[in-house]
Amino acid sequence: MLPPGSRLRRPAEFSAAIRGGARGRAGTLVVHLSSPTHEATNGPRVGLVVPKTVGNAVIRNQVKRRLRAQAAQRLVDLRDGELLVLRALPGCGATSSEELGRSFEAGLAQARRRTGRKVAQR
């Protein structure tokens, strides 16, 4: 399970990750990754966005549990201070956990590549 200190909770934190970071999409998942601009002292933090278009409340909660489990497994791969937002797209509820994991990996890799480009352009 994802530790409470590793979760994004405030709308401003979600906005910072989504607007200030890079985006990668794979399958039914969009990954927003924001790298810190200064030396970070806290660990990485993760937020989830699962809209109603994914399904009813039961399906959305299942998707959130699976995304939290995937994020907890990959928390050690994130750098200190990074903000990660996982946004589920319609159809995510019908996706298997294995496929969700592959989408997570591919989306994160794509966002990392784009983050590198943003840093190089500055």
PDB file of N, CA and C in Angstrom:
ATOM      1  N   MET A   1       0.835  -1.178   0.000  1.00  0.00           N
ATOM      2  CA  MET A   1       0.000   0.000   0.000  1.00  0.00           C
ATOM      3  C   MET A   1       0.883   1.245   0.000  1.00  0.00           C
ATOM      4  N   LEU A   2       0.365   2.286  -0.556  1.00  0.00           N
ATOM      5  CA  LEU A   2       1.085   3.558  -0.667  1.00  0.00           C
ATOM      6  C   LEU A   2       1.081   4.267   0.687  1.00  0.00           C
ATOM      7  N   PRO A   3       2.251   4.571   1.251  1.00  0.00           N
ATOM      8  CA  PRO A   3       2.304   5.242   2.560  1.00  0.00           C
ATOM      9  C   PRO A   3       1.616   6.608   2.511  1.00  0.00           C
ATOM     10  N   PRO A   4       0.950   7.008   3.597  1.00  0.00           N
ATOM     11  CA  PRO A   4       0.237   8.288   3.610  1.00  0.00           C
ATOM     12  C   PRO A   4       1.132   9.496   3.310  1.00  0.00           C
ATOM     13  N   GLY A   5       2.379   9.471   3.724  1.00  0.00           N
ATOM     14  CA  GLY A   5       3.283  10.588   3.457  1.00  0.00           C
ATOM     15  C   GLY A   5       3.701  10.690   2.009  1.00  0.00           C
ATOM     16  N   SER A   6       3.400   9.672   1.216  1.00  0.00           N
ATOM     17  CA  SER A   6       3.785   9.655  -0.193  1.00  0.00           C
ATOM     18  C   SER A   6       2.622   9.998  -1.120  1.00  0.00           C
ATOM     19  N   ARG A   7       1.533  10.495  -0.558  1.00  0.00           N
ATOM     20  CA  ARG A   7       0.358  10.810  -1.367  1.00  0.00           C
ATOM     21  C   ARG A   7       0.191  12.316  -1.554  1.00  0.00           C
ATOM     22  N   LEU A   8      -0.235  12.704  -2.739  1.00  0.00           N
ATOM     23  CA  LEU A   8      -0.619  14.093  -2.991  1.00  0.00           C
ATOM     24  C   LEU A   8      -2.045  14.266  -2.470  1.00  0.00           C
ATOM     25  N   ARG A   9      -2.307  15.390  -1.809  1.00  0.00           N
ATOM     26  CA  ARG A   9      -3.632  15.608  -1.242  1.00  0.00           C
ATOM     27  C   ARG A   9      -4.244  16.947  -1.635  1.00  0.00           C
ATOM     28  N   ARG A  10      -3.446  17.964  -1.797  1.00  0.00           N
ATOM     29  CA  ARG A  10      -3.959  19.315  -2.055  1.00  0.00           C
ATOM     30  C   ARG A  10      -4.094  19.581  -3.557  1.00  0.00           C
ATOM     31  N   PRO A  11      -5.133  20.317  -3.941  1.00  0.00           N
ATOM     32  CA  PRO A  11      -5.304  20.645  -5.361  1.00  0.00           C
ATOM     33  C   PRO A  11      -4.095  21.369  -5.956  1.00  0.00           C
ATOM     34  N   ALA A  12      -3.424  22.200  -5.176  1.00  0.00           N
ATOM     35  CA  ALA A  12      -2.252  22.920  -5.686  1.00  0.00           C
ATOM     36  C   ALA A  12      -1.128  21.963  -6.040  1.00  0.00           C
ATOM     37  N   GLU A  13      -0.999  20.877  -5.286  1.00  0.00           N
ATOM     38  CA  GLU A  13       0.037  19.880  -5.581  1.00  0.00           C
ATOM     39  C   GLU A  13      -0.275  19.154  -6.886  1.00  0.00           C
ATOM     40  N   PHE A  14      -1.546  18.822  -7.088  1.00  0.00           N
ATOM     41  CA  PHE A  14      -1.948  18.178  -8.337  1.00  0.00           C
ATOM     42  C   PHE A  14      -1.703  19.117  -9.516  1.00  0.00           C
ATOM     43  N   SER A  15      -2.065  20.393  -9.346  1.00  0.00           N
ATOM     44  CA  SER A  15      -1.861  21.374 -10.418  1.00  0.00           C
ATOM     45  C   SER A  15      -0.386  21.525 -10.754  1.00  0.00           C
ATOM     46  N   ALA A  16       0.461  21.553  -9.729  1.00  0.00           N
ATOM     47  CA  ALA A  16       1.903  21.686  -9.968  1.00  0.00           C
ATOM     48  C   ALA A  16       2.436  20.515 -10.775  1.00  0.00           C
ATOM     49  N   ALA A  17       1.982  19.319 -10.459  1.00  0.00           N
ATOM     50  CA  ALA A  17       2.454  18.135 -11.171  1.00  0.00           C
ATOM     51  C   ALA A  17       1.926  18.087 -12.601  1.00  0.00           C
ATOM     52  N   ILE A  18       0.668  18.455 -12.778  1.00  0.00           N
ATOM     53  CA  ILE A  18       0.052  18.353 -14.105  1.00  0.00           C
ATOM     54  C   ILE A  18       0.511  19.483 -15.022  1.00  0.00           C
ATOM     55  N   ARG A  19       0.525  20.702 -14.517  1.00  0.00           N
ATOM     56  CA  ARG A  19       0.870  21.850 -15.358  1.00  0.00           C
ATOM     57  C   ARG A  19       2.371  22.055 -15.497  1.00  0.00           C
ATOM     58  N   GLY A  20       3.116  21.715 -14.469  1.00  0.00           N
ATOM     59  CA  GLY A  20       4.544  21.998 -14.490  1.00  0.00           C
ATOM     60  C   GLY A  20       5.417  20.835 -14.912  1.00  0.00           C
ATOM     61  N   GLY A  21       4.810  19.703 -15.171  1.00  0.00           N
ATOM     62  CA  GLY A  21       5.604  18.522 -15.482  1.00  0.00           C
ATOM     63  C   GLY A  21       5.434  18.033 -16.902  1.00  0.00           C
ATOM     64  N   ALA A  22       5.945  16.852 -17.124  1.00  0.00           N
ATOM     65  CA  ALA A  22       5.856  16.216 -18.439  1.00  0.00           C
ATOM     66  C   ALA A  22       4.775  15.145 -18.396  1.00  0.00           C
ATOM     67  N   ARG A  23       4.246  14.805 -19.562  1.00  0.00           N
ATOM     68  CA  ARG A  23       3.147  13.861 -19.650  1.00  0.00           C
ATOM     69  C   ARG A  23       3.529  12.700 -20.544  1.00  0.00           C
ATOM     70  N   GLY A  24       3.089  11.516 -20.122  1.00  0.00           N
ATOM     71  CA  GLY A  24       3.260  10.331 -20.945  1.00  0.00           C
ATOM     72  C   GLY A  24       1.971   9.536 -20.930  1.00  0.00           C
ATOM     73  N   ARG A  25       1.606   8.985 -22.073  1.00  0.00           N
ATOM     74  CA  ARG A  25       0.370   8.218 -22.143  1.00  0.00           C
ATOM     75  C   ARG A  25       0.669   6.838 -22.698  1.00  0.00           C
ATOM     76  N   ALA A  26       0.060   5.844 -22.061  1.00  0.00           N
ATOM     77  CA  ALA A  26       0.166   4.474 -22.538  1.00  0.00           C
ATOM     78  C   ALA A  26      -1.118   3.751 -22.163  1.00  0.00           C
ATOM     79  N   GLY A  27      -1.760   3.169 -23.145  1.00  0.00           N
ATOM     80  CA  GLY A  27      -2.992   2.432 -22.875  1.00  0.00           C
ATOM     81  C   GLY A  27      -4.063   3.340 -22.308  1.00  0.00           C
ATOM     82  N   THR A  28      -4.617   2.949 -21.179  1.00  0.00           N
ATOM     83  CA  THR A  28      -5.700   3.702 -20.553  1.00  0.00           C
ATOM     84  C   THR A  28      -5.211   4.514 -19.359  1.00  0.00           C
ATOM     85  N   LEU A  29      -3.953   4.939 -19.408  1.00  0.00           N
ATOM     86  CA  LEU A  29      -3.361   5.659 -18.291  1.00  0.00           C
ATOM     87  C   LEU A  29      -2.514   6.821 -18.799  1.00  0.00           C
ATOM     88  N   VAL A  30      -2.657   7.980 -18.148  1.00  0.00           N
ATOM     89  CA  VAL A  30      -1.811   9.136 -18.433  1.00  0.00           C
ATOM     90  C   VAL A  30      -0.974   9.386 -17.189  1.00  0.00           C
ATOM     91  N   VAL A  31       0.331   9.558 -17.395  1.00  0.00           N
ATOM     92  CA  VAL A  31       1.265   9.781 -16.296  1.00  0.00           C
ATOM     93  C   VAL A  31       1.805  11.199 -16.403  1.00  0.00           C
ATOM     94  N   HIS A  32       1.624  11.979 -15.341  1.00  0.00           N
ATOM     95  CA  HIS A  32       2.171  13.333 -15.260  1.00  0.00           C
ATOM     96  C   HIS A  32       3.313  13.292 -14.255  1.00  0.00           C
ATOM     97  N   LEU A  33       4.491  13.744 -14.650  1.00  0.00           N
ATOM     98  CA  LEU A  33       5.667  13.694 -13.792  1.00  0.00           C
ATOM     99  C   LEU A  33       6.296  15.081 -13.712  1.00  0.00           C
ATOM    100  N   SER A  34       6.472  15.556 -12.491  1.00  0.00           N
ATOM    101  CA  SER A  34       7.100  16.851 -12.263  1.00  0.00           C
ATOM    102  C   SER A  34       8.341  16.639 -11.411  1.00  0.00           C
ATOM    103  N   SER A  35       9.480  17.022 -11.945  1.00  0.00           N
ATOM    104  CA  SER A  35      10.734  16.902 -11.207  1.00  0.00           C
ATOM    105  C   SER A  35      10.990  18.165 -10.413  1.00  0.00           C
ATOM    106  N   PRO A  36      11.622  18.048  -9.255  1.00  0.00           N
ATOM    107  CA  PRO A  36      11.881  19.235  -8.442  1.00  0.00           C
ATOM    108  C   PRO A  36      12.902  20.156  -9.104  1.00  0.00           C
ATOM    109  N   THR A  37      12.725  21.452  -8.909  1.00  0.00           N
ATOM    110  CA  THR A  37      13.663  22.413  -9.483  1.00  0.00           C
ATOM    111  C   THR A  37      14.795  22.730  -8.521  1.00  0.00           C
ATOM    112  N   HIS A  38      14.670  22.304  -7.274  1.00  0.00           N
ATOM    113  CA  HIS A  38      15.696  22.537  -6.264  1.00  0.00           C
ATOM    114  C   HIS A  38      15.959  21.223  -5.528  1.00  0.00           C
ATOM    115  N   GLU A  39      16.929  21.218  -4.668  1.00  0.00           N
ATOM    116  CA  GLU A  39      17.272  20.019  -3.907  1.00  0.00           C
ATOM    117  C   GLU A  39      16.107  19.656  -2.984  1.00  0.00           C
ATOM    118  N   ALA A  40      15.558  18.475  -3.157  1.00  0.00           N
ATOM    119  CA  ALA A  40      14.400  18.048  -2.380  1.00  0.00           C
ATOM    120  C   ALA A  40      14.829  17.274  -1.139  1.00  0.00           C
ATOM    121  N   THR A  41      14.125  17.513  -0.054  1.00  0.00           N
ATOM    122  CA  THR A  41      14.417  16.796   1.178  1.00  0.00           C
ATOM    123  C   THR A  41      13.353  15.748   1.483  1.00  0.00           C
ATOM    124  N   ASN A  42      12.203  15.856   0.825  1.00  0.00           N
ATOM    125  CA  ASN A  42      11.165  14.853   1.043  1.00  0.00           C
ATOM    126  C   ASN A  42      11.159  13.858  -0.108  1.00  0.00           C
ATOM    127  N   GLY A  43      10.534  12.726   0.123  1.00  0.00           N
ATOM    128  CA  GLY A  43      10.493  11.681  -0.896  1.00  0.00           C
ATOM    129  C   GLY A  43       9.498  12.000  -1.994  1.00  0.00           C
ATOM    130  N   PRO A  44       9.392  11.112  -2.960  1.00  0.00           N
ATOM    131  CA  PRO A  44       8.438  11.305  -4.052  1.00  0.00           C
ATOM    132  C   PRO A  44       7.008  11.169  -3.546  1.00  0.00           C
ATOM    133  N   ARG A  45       6.090  11.827  -4.244  1.00  0.00           N
ATOM    134  CA  ARG A  45       4.687  11.742  -3.857  1.00  0.00           C
ATOM    135  C   ARG A  45       3.828  11.466  -5.077  1.00  0.00           C
ATOM    136  N   VAL A  46       2.743  10.729  -4.854  1.00  0.00           N
ATOM    137  CA  VAL A  46       1.893  10.244  -5.935  1.00  0.00           C
ATOM    138  C   VAL A  46       0.446  10.643  -5.680  1.00  0.00           C
ATOM    139  N   GLY A  47      -0.244  11.037  -6.746  1.00  0.00           N
ATOM    140  CA  GLY A  47      -1.669  11.353  -6.681  1.00  0.00           C
ATOM    141  C   GLY A  47      -2.414  10.605  -7.777  1.00  0.00           C
ATOM    142  N   LEU A  48      -3.686  10.362  -7.540  1.00  0.00           N
ATOM    143  CA  LEU A  48      -4.522   9.627  -8.491  1.00  0.00           C
ATOM    144  C   LEU A  48      -5.701  10.487  -8.926  1.00  0.00           C
ATOM    145  N   VAL A  49      -6.031  10.404 -10.195  1.00  0.00           N
ATOM    146  CA  VAL A  49      -7.223  11.052 -10.731  1.00  0.00           C
ATOM    147  C   VAL A  49      -8.002   9.970 -11.474  1.00  0.00           C
ATOM    148  N   VAL A  50      -9.175   9.620 -10.922  1.00  0.00           N
ATOM    149  CA  VAL A  50     -10.016   8.594 -11.532  1.00  0.00           C
ATOM    150  C   VAL A  50     -11.411   9.199 -11.717  1.00  0.00           C
ATOM    151  N   PRO A  51     -11.706   9.733 -12.907  1.00  0.00           N
ATOM    152  CA  PRO A  51     -12.983  10.423 -13.124  1.00  0.00           C
ATOM    153  C   PRO A  51     -14.152   9.447 -13.281  1.00  0.00           C
ATOM    154  N   LYS A  52     -15.342   9.999 -13.264  1.00  0.00           N
ATOM    155  CA  LYS A  52     -16.556   9.188 -13.378  1.00  0.00           C
ATOM    156  C   LYS A  52     -16.677   8.477 -14.718  1.00  0.00           C
ATOM    157  N   THR A  53     -15.963   8.960 -15.723  1.00  0.00           N
ATOM    158  CA  THR A  53     -16.037   8.313 -17.036  1.00  0.00           C
ATOM    159  C   THR A  53     -15.410   6.920 -17.013  1.00  0.00           C
ATOM    160  N   VAL A  54     -14.646   6.609 -15.968  1.00  0.00           N
ATOM    161  CA  VAL A  54     -14.032   5.279 -15.839  1.00  0.00           C
ATOM    162  C   VAL A  54     -15.091   4.234 -15.500  1.00  0.00           C
ATOM    163  N   GLY A  55     -16.095   4.623 -14.731  1.00  0.00           N
ATOM    164  CA  GLY A  55     -17.147   3.682 -14.351  1.00  0.00           C
ATOM    165  C   GLY A  55     -17.847   4.144 -13.090  1.00  0.00           C
ATOM    166  N   ASN A  56     -18.677   3.257 -12.548  1.00  0.00           N
ATOM    167  CA  ASN A  56     -19.389   3.613 -11.322  1.00  0.00           C
ATOM    168  C   ASN A  56     -18.425   3.607 -10.132  1.00  0.00           C
ATOM    169  N   ALA A  57     -18.943   3.899  -8.945  1.00  0.00           N
ATOM    170  CA  ALA A  57     -18.090   4.042  -7.759  1.00  0.00           C
ATOM    171  C   ALA A  57     -17.298   2.774  -7.458  1.00  0.00           C
ATOM    172  N   VAL A  58     -17.906   1.634  -7.636  1.00  0.00           N
ATOM    173  CA  VAL A  58     -17.222   0.365  -7.359  1.00  0.00           C
ATOM    174  C   VAL A  58     -16.021   0.194  -8.288  1.00  0.00           C
ATOM    175  N   ILE A  59     -16.227   0.439  -9.571  1.00  0.00           N
ATOM    176  CA  ILE A  59     -15.153   0.314 -10.561  1.00  0.00           C
ATOM    177  C   ILE A  59     -14.052   1.335 -10.284  1.00  0.00           C
ATOM    178  N   ARG A  60     -14.438   2.592 -10.009  1.00  0.00           N
ATOM    179  CA  ARG A  60     -13.445   3.629  -9.731  1.00  0.00           C
ATOM    180  C   ARG A  60     -12.591   3.266  -8.516  1.00  0.00           C
ATOM    181  N   ASN A  61     -13.221   2.755  -7.466  1.00  0.00           N
ATOM    182  CA  ASN A  61     -12.461   2.359  -6.274  1.00  0.00           C
ATOM    183  C   ASN A  61     -11.536   1.184  -6.561  1.00  0.00           C
ATOM    184  N   GLN A  62     -11.969   0.245  -7.380  1.00  0.00           N
ATOM    185  CA  GLN A  62     -11.093  -0.866  -7.776  1.00  0.00           C
ATOM    186  C   GLN A  62      -9.882  -0.342  -8.541  1.00  0.00           C
ATOM    187  N   VAL A  63     -10.122   0.586  -9.456  1.00  0.00           N
ATOM    188  CA  VAL A  63      -9.031   1.170 -10.236  1.00  0.00           C
ATOM    189  C   VAL A  63      -8.066   1.909  -9.315  1.00  0.00           C
ATOM    190  N   LYS A  64      -8.599   2.672  -8.349  1.00  0.00           N
ATOM    191  CA  LYS A  64      -7.736   3.397  -7.415  1.00  0.00           C
ATOM    192  C   LYS A  64      -6.880   2.440  -6.592  1.00  0.00           C
ATOM    193  N   ARG A  65      -7.461   1.357  -6.114  1.00  0.00           N
ATOM    194  CA  ARG A  65      -6.687   0.379  -5.335  1.00  0.00           C
ATOM    195  C   ARG A  65      -5.573  -0.226  -6.179  1.00  0.00           C
ATOM    196  N   ARG A  66      -5.888  -0.572  -7.419  1.00  0.00           N
ATOM    197  CA  ARG A  66      -4.863  -1.170  -8.286  1.00  0.00           C
ATOM    198  C   ARG A  66      -3.771  -0.161  -8.631  1.00  0.00           C
ATOM    199  N   LEU A  67      -4.145   1.091  -8.875  1.00  0.00           N
ATOM    200  CA  LEU A  67      -3.143   2.115  -9.176  1.00  0.00           C
ATOM    201  C   LEU A  67      -2.261   2.400  -7.958  1.00  0.00           C
ATOM    202  N   ARG A  68      -2.863   2.438  -6.768  1.00  0.00           N
ATOM    203  CA  ARG A  68      -2.062   2.640  -5.549  1.00  0.00           C
ATOM    204  C   ARG A  68      -1.067   1.510  -5.362  1.00  0.00           C
ATOM    205  N   ALA A  69      -1.489   0.286  -5.622  1.00  0.00           N
ATOM    206  CA  ALA A  69      -0.582  -0.857  -5.484  1.00  0.00           C
ATOM    207  C   ALA A  69       0.556  -0.777  -6.501  1.00  0.00           C
ATOM    208  N   GLN A  70       0.246  -0.401  -7.731  1.00  0.00           N
ATOM    209  CA  GLN A  70       1.284  -0.247  -8.760  1.00  0.00           C
ATOM    210  C   GLN A  70       2.257   0.859  -8.371  1.00  0.00           C
ATOM    211  N   ALA A  71       1.729   1.980  -7.865  1.00  0.00           N
ATOM    212  CA  ALA A  71       2.578   3.110  -7.472  1.00  0.00           C
ATOM    213  C   ALA A  71       3.468   2.734  -6.293  1.00  0.00           C
ATOM    214  N   ALA A  72       2.933   1.982  -5.344  1.00  0.00           N
ATOM    215  CA  ALA A  72       3.725   1.580  -4.172  1.00  0.00           C
ATOM    216  C   ALA A  72       4.895   0.706  -4.584  1.00  0.00           C
ATOM    217  N   GLN A  73       4.697  -0.168  -5.566  1.00  0.00           N
ATOM    218  CA  GLN A  73       5.774  -1.032  -6.047  1.00  0.00           C
ATOM    219  C   GLN A  73       6.871  -0.226  -6.723  1.00  0.00           C
ATOM    220  N   ARG A  74       6.518   0.877  -7.347  1.00  0.00           N
ATOM    221  CA  ARG A  74       7.485   1.661  -8.123  1.00  0.00           C
ATOM    222  C   ARG A  74       7.953   2.929  -7.408  1.00  0.00           C
ATOM    223  N   LEU A  75       7.563   3.099  -6.170  1.00  0.00           N
ATOM    224  CA  LEU A  75       7.938   4.290  -5.416  1.00  0.00           C
ATOM    225  C   LEU A  75       9.452   4.415  -5.274  1.00  0.00           C
ATOM    226  N   VAL A  76      10.150   3.301  -5.180  1.00  0.00           N
ATOM    227  CA  VAL A  76      11.615   3.336  -5.033  1.00  0.00           C
ATOM    228  C   VAL A  76      12.294   3.790  -6.325  1.00  0.00           C
ATOM    229  N   ASP A  77      11.591   3.690  -7.460  1.00  0.00           N
ATOM    230  CA  ASP A  77      12.161   4.111  -8.744  1.00  0.00           C
ATOM    231  C   ASP A  77      12.070   5.622  -8.951  1.00  0.00           C
ATOM    232  N   LEU A  78      11.270   6.297  -8.130  1.00  0.00           N
ATOM    233  CA  LEU A  78      11.102   7.741  -8.266  1.00  0.00           C
ATOM    234  C   LEU A  78      12.159   8.473  -7.455  1.00  0.00           C
ATOM    235  N   ARG A  79      12.516   9.655  -7.926  1.00  0.00           N
ATOM    236  CA  ARG A  79      13.528  10.465  -7.239  1.00  0.00           C
ATOM    237  C   ARG A  79      12.884  11.299  -6.142  1.00  0.00           C
ATOM    238  N   ASP A  80      13.682  11.691  -5.166  1.00  0.00           N
ATOM    239  CA  ASP A  80      13.182  12.536  -4.081  1.00  0.00           C
ATOM    240  C   ASP A  80      12.624  13.834  -4.647  1.00  0.00           C
ATOM    241  N   GLY A  81      11.456  14.229  -4.150  1.00  0.00           N
ATOM    242  CA  GLY A  81      10.844  15.483  -4.563  1.00  0.00           C
ATOM    243  C   GLY A  81       9.996  15.404  -5.818  1.00  0.00           C
ATOM    244  N   GLU A  82      10.017  14.285  -6.527  1.00  0.00           N
ATOM    245  CA  GLU A  82       9.208  14.172  -7.739  1.00  0.00           C
ATOM    246  C   GLU A  82       7.730  14.046  -7.373  1.00  0.00           C
ATOM    247  N   LEU A  83       6.897  14.670  -8.200  1.00  0.00           N
ATOM    248  CA  LEU A  83       5.452  14.567  -8.055  1.00  0.00           C
ATOM    249  C   LEU A  83       4.923  13.776  -9.244  1.00  0.00           C
ATOM    250  N   LEU A  84       4.133  12.769  -8.958  1.00  0.00           N
ATOM    251  CA  LEU A  84       3.600  11.890  -9.996  1.00  0.00           C
ATOM    252  C   LEU A  84       2.087  11.853  -9.867  1.00  0.00           C
ATOM    253  N   VAL A  85       1.382  12.124 -10.955  1.00  0.00           N
ATOM    254  CA  VAL A  85      -0.073  12.019 -10.969  1.00  0.00           C
ATOM    255  C   VAL A  85      -0.443  10.991 -12.032  1.00  0.00           C
ATOM    256  N   LEU A  86      -1.243  10.014 -11.626  1.00  0.00           N
ATOM    257  CA  LEU A  86      -1.741   8.985 -12.528  1.00  0.00           C
ATOM    258  C   LEU A  86      -3.197   9.288 -12.823  1.00  0.00           C
ATOM    259  N   ARG A  87      -3.524   9.489 -14.103  1.00  0.00           N
ATOM    260  CA  ARG A  87      -4.888   9.792 -14.498  1.00  0.00           C
ATOM    261  C   ARG A  87      -5.441   8.637 -15.320  1.00  0.00           C
ATOM    262  N   ALA A  88      -6.495   8.037 -14.807  1.00  0.00           N
ATOM    263  CA  ALA A  88      -7.133   6.912 -15.487  1.00  0.00           C
ATOM    264  C   ALA A  88      -8.043   7.440 -16.594  1.00  0.00           C
ATOM    265  N   LEU A  89      -8.045   6.751 -17.701  1.00  0.00           N
ATOM    266  CA  LEU A  89      -8.908   7.105 -18.827  1.00  0.00           C
ATOM    267  C   LEU A  89     -10.068   6.111 -18.902  1.00  0.00           C
ATOM    268  N   PRO A  90     -11.138   6.465 -19.632  1.00  0.00           N
ATOM    269  CA  PRO A  90     -12.234   5.505 -19.790  1.00  0.00           C
ATOM    270  C   PRO A  90     -11.714   4.172 -20.328  1.00  0.00           C
ATOM    271  N   GLY A  91     -12.229   3.091 -19.793  1.00  0.00           N
ATOM    272  CA  GLY A  91     -11.770   1.773 -20.185  1.00  0.00           C
ATOM    273  C   GLY A  91     -10.756   1.197 -19.223  1.00  0.00           C
ATOM    274  N   CYS A  92     -10.275   2.007 -18.315  1.00  0.00           N
ATOM    275  CA  CYS A  92      -9.275   1.560 -17.349  1.00  0.00           C
ATOM    276  C   CYS A  92      -9.841   0.496 -16.410  1.00  0.00           C
ATOM    277  N   GLY A  93     -11.145   0.562 -16.151  1.00  0.00           N
ATOM    278  CA  GLY A  93     -11.780  -0.399 -15.259  1.00  0.00           C
ATOM    279  C   GLY A  93     -11.771  -1.812 -15.809  1.00  0.00           C
ATOM    280  N   ALA A  94     -11.719  -1.955 -17.113  1.00  0.00           N
ATOM    281  CA  ALA A  94     -11.722  -3.278 -17.739  1.00  0.00           C
ATOM    282  C   ALA A  94     -10.310  -3.802 -17.995  1.00  0.00           C
ATOM    283  N   THR A  95      -9.303  -3.036 -17.618  1.00  0.00           N
ATOM    284  CA  THR A  95      -7.918  -3.405 -17.846  1.00  0.00           C
ATOM    285  C   THR A  95      -7.403  -4.275 -16.707  1.00  0.00           C
ATOM    286  N   SER A  96      -6.623  -5.279 -17.028  1.00  0.00           N
ATOM    287  CA  SER A  96      -6.045  -6.151 -15.990  1.00  0.00           C
ATOM    288  C   SER A  96      -4.936  -5.419 -15.236  1.00  0.00           C
ATOM    289  N   SER A  97      -4.610  -5.927 -14.075  1.00  0.00           N
ATOM    290  CA  SER A  97      -3.539  -5.315 -13.273  1.00  0.00           C
ATOM    291  C   SER A  97      -2.204  -5.390 -13.998  1.00  0.00           C
ATOM    292  N   GLU A  98      -1.962  -6.471 -14.723  1.00  0.00           N
ATOM    293  CA  GLU A  98      -0.712  -6.618 -15.459  1.00  0.00           C
ATOM    294  C   GLU A  98      -0.609  -5.574 -16.569  1.00  0.00           C
ATOM    295  N   GLU A  99      -1.707  -5.386 -17.289  1.00  0.00           N
ATOM    296  CA  GLU A  99      -1.725  -4.393 -18.358  1.00  0.00           C
ATOM    297  C   GLU A  99      -1.594  -2.982 -17.774  1.00  0.00           C
ATOM    298  N   LEU A 100      -2.220  -2.764 -16.627  1.00  0.00           N
ATOM    299  CA  LEU A 100      -2.107  -1.481 -15.954  1.00  0.00           C
ATOM    300  C   LEU A 100      -0.659  -1.210 -15.556  1.00  0.00           C
ATOM    301  N   GLY A 101       0.033  -2.241 -15.077  1.00  0.00           N
ATOM    302  CA  GLY A 101       1.449  -2.111 -14.728  1.00  0.00           C
ATOM    303  C   GLY A 101       2.309  -1.784 -15.932  1.00  0.00           C
ATOM    304  N   ARG A 102       2.022  -2.431 -17.064  1.00  0.00           N
ATOM    305  CA  ARG A 102       2.781  -2.147 -18.289  1.00  0.00           C
ATOM    306  C   ARG A 102       2.517  -0.721 -18.767  1.00  0.00           C
ATOM    307  N   SER A 103       1.258  -0.281 -18.663  1.00  0.00           N
ATOM    308  CA  SER A 103       0.919   1.094 -19.054  1.00  0.00           C
ATOM    309  C   SER A 103       1.618   2.093 -18.147  1.00  0.00           C
ATOM    310  N   PHE A 104       1.674   1.780 -16.865  1.00  0.00           N
ATOM    311  CA  PHE A 104       2.358   2.642 -15.898  1.00  0.00           C
ATOM    312  C   PHE A 104       3.825   2.787 -16.286  1.00  0.00           C
ATOM    313  N   GLU A 105       4.500   1.667 -16.532  1.00  0.00           N
ATOM    314  CA  GLU A 105       5.927   1.685 -16.896  1.00  0.00           C
ATOM    315  C   GLU A 105       6.160   2.480 -18.175  1.00  0.00           C
ATOM    316  N   ALA A 106       5.349   2.211 -19.190  1.00  0.00           N
ATOM    317  CA  ALA A 106       5.532   2.889 -20.475  1.00  0.00           C
ATOM    318  C   ALA A 106       5.245   4.388 -20.358  1.00  0.00           C
ATOM    319  N   GLY A 107       4.185   4.741 -19.648  1.00  0.00           N
ATOM    320  CA  GLY A 107       3.859   6.157 -19.469  1.00  0.00           C
ATOM    321  C   GLY A 107       4.913   6.894 -18.667  1.00  0.00           C
ATOM    322  N   LEU A 108       5.443   6.240 -17.630  1.00  0.00           N
ATOM    323  CA  LEU A 108       6.490   6.855 -16.820  1.00  0.00           C
ATOM    324  C   LEU A 108       7.766   7.048 -17.637  1.00  0.00           C
ATOM    325  N   ALA A 109       8.115   6.058 -18.447  1.00  0.00           N
ATOM    326  CA  ALA A 109       9.307   6.175 -19.292  1.00  0.00           C
ATOM    327  C   ALA A 109       9.144   7.325 -20.290  1.00  0.00           C
ATOM    328  N   GLN A 110       7.963   7.440 -20.872  1.00  0.00           N
ATOM    329  CA  GLN A 110       7.713   8.520 -21.831  1.00  0.00           C
ATOM    330  C   GLN A 110       7.785   9.883 -21.133  1.00  0.00           C
ATOM    331  N   ALA A 111       7.212   9.993 -19.948  1.00  0.00           N
ATOM    332  CA  ALA A 111       7.256  11.252 -19.205  1.00  0.00           C
ATOM    333  C   ALA A 111       8.693  11.597 -18.813  1.00  0.00           C
ATOM    334  N   ARG A 112       9.485  10.595 -18.436  1.00  0.00           N
ATOM    335  CA  ARG A 112      10.894  10.839 -18.086  1.00  0.00           C
ATOM    336  C   ARG A 112      11.667  11.376 -19.287  1.00  0.00           C
ATOM    337  N   ARG A 113      11.426  10.804 -20.468  1.00  0.00           N
ATOM    338  CA  ARG A 113      12.091  11.298 -21.673  1.00  0.00           C
ATOM    339  C   ARG A 113      11.717  12.749 -21.928  1.00  0.00           C
ATOM    340  N   ARG A 114      10.460  13.070 -21.764  1.00  0.00           N
ATOM    341  CA  ARG A 114      10.005  14.441 -22.005  1.00  0.00           C
ATOM    342  C   ARG A 114      10.516  15.387 -20.927  1.00  0.00           C
ATOM    343  N   THR A 115      10.650  14.916 -19.710  1.00  0.00           N
ATOM    344  CA  THR A 115      11.215  15.740 -18.639  1.00  0.00           C
ATOM    345  C   THR A 115      12.646  16.098 -18.977  1.00  0.00           C
ATOM    346  N   GLY A 116      13.392  15.143 -19.510  1.00  0.00           N
ATOM    347  CA  GLY A 116      14.769  15.402 -19.922  1.00  0.00           C
ATOM    348  C   GLY A 116      14.849  16.467 -20.985  1.00  0.00           C
ATOM    349  N   ARG A 117      13.896  16.460 -21.906  1.00  0.00           N
ATOM    350  CA  ARG A 117      13.868  17.473 -22.967  1.00  0.00           C
ATOM    351  C   ARG A 117      13.567  18.846 -22.398  1.00  0.00           C
ATOM    352  N   LYS A 118      12.633  18.911 -21.426  1.00  0.00           N
ATOM    353  CA  LYS A 118      12.279  20.205 -20.831  1.00  0.00           C
ATOM    354  C   LYS A 118      13.465  20.805 -20.101  1.00  0.00           C
ATOM    355  N   VAL A 119      14.213  19.971 -19.396  1.00  0.00           N
ATOM    356  CA  VAL A 119      15.396  20.452 -18.659  1.00  0.00           C
ATOM    357  C   VAL A 119      16.443  20.946 -19.645  1.00  0.00           C
ATOM    358  N   ALA A 120      16.638  20.247 -20.757  1.00  0.00           N
ATOM    359  CA  ALA A 120      17.628  20.633 -21.745  1.00  0.00           C
ATOM    360  C   ALA A 120      17.263  21.950 -22.429  1.00  0.00           C
ATOM    361  N   GLN A 121      15.966  22.228 -22.581  1.00  0.00           N
ATOM    362  CA  GLN A 121      15.529  23.439 -23.266  1.00  0.00           C
ATOM    363  C   GLN A 121      15.681  24.687 -22.414  1.00  0.00           C
ATOM    364  N   ARG A 122      15.721  24.539 -21.099  1.00  0.00           N
ATOM    365  CA  ARG A 122      15.784  25.701 -20.207  1.00  0.00           C
ATOM    366  C   ARG A 122      17.097  26.389 -20.227  1.00  0.00           C
TER     367      ARG A 122
END
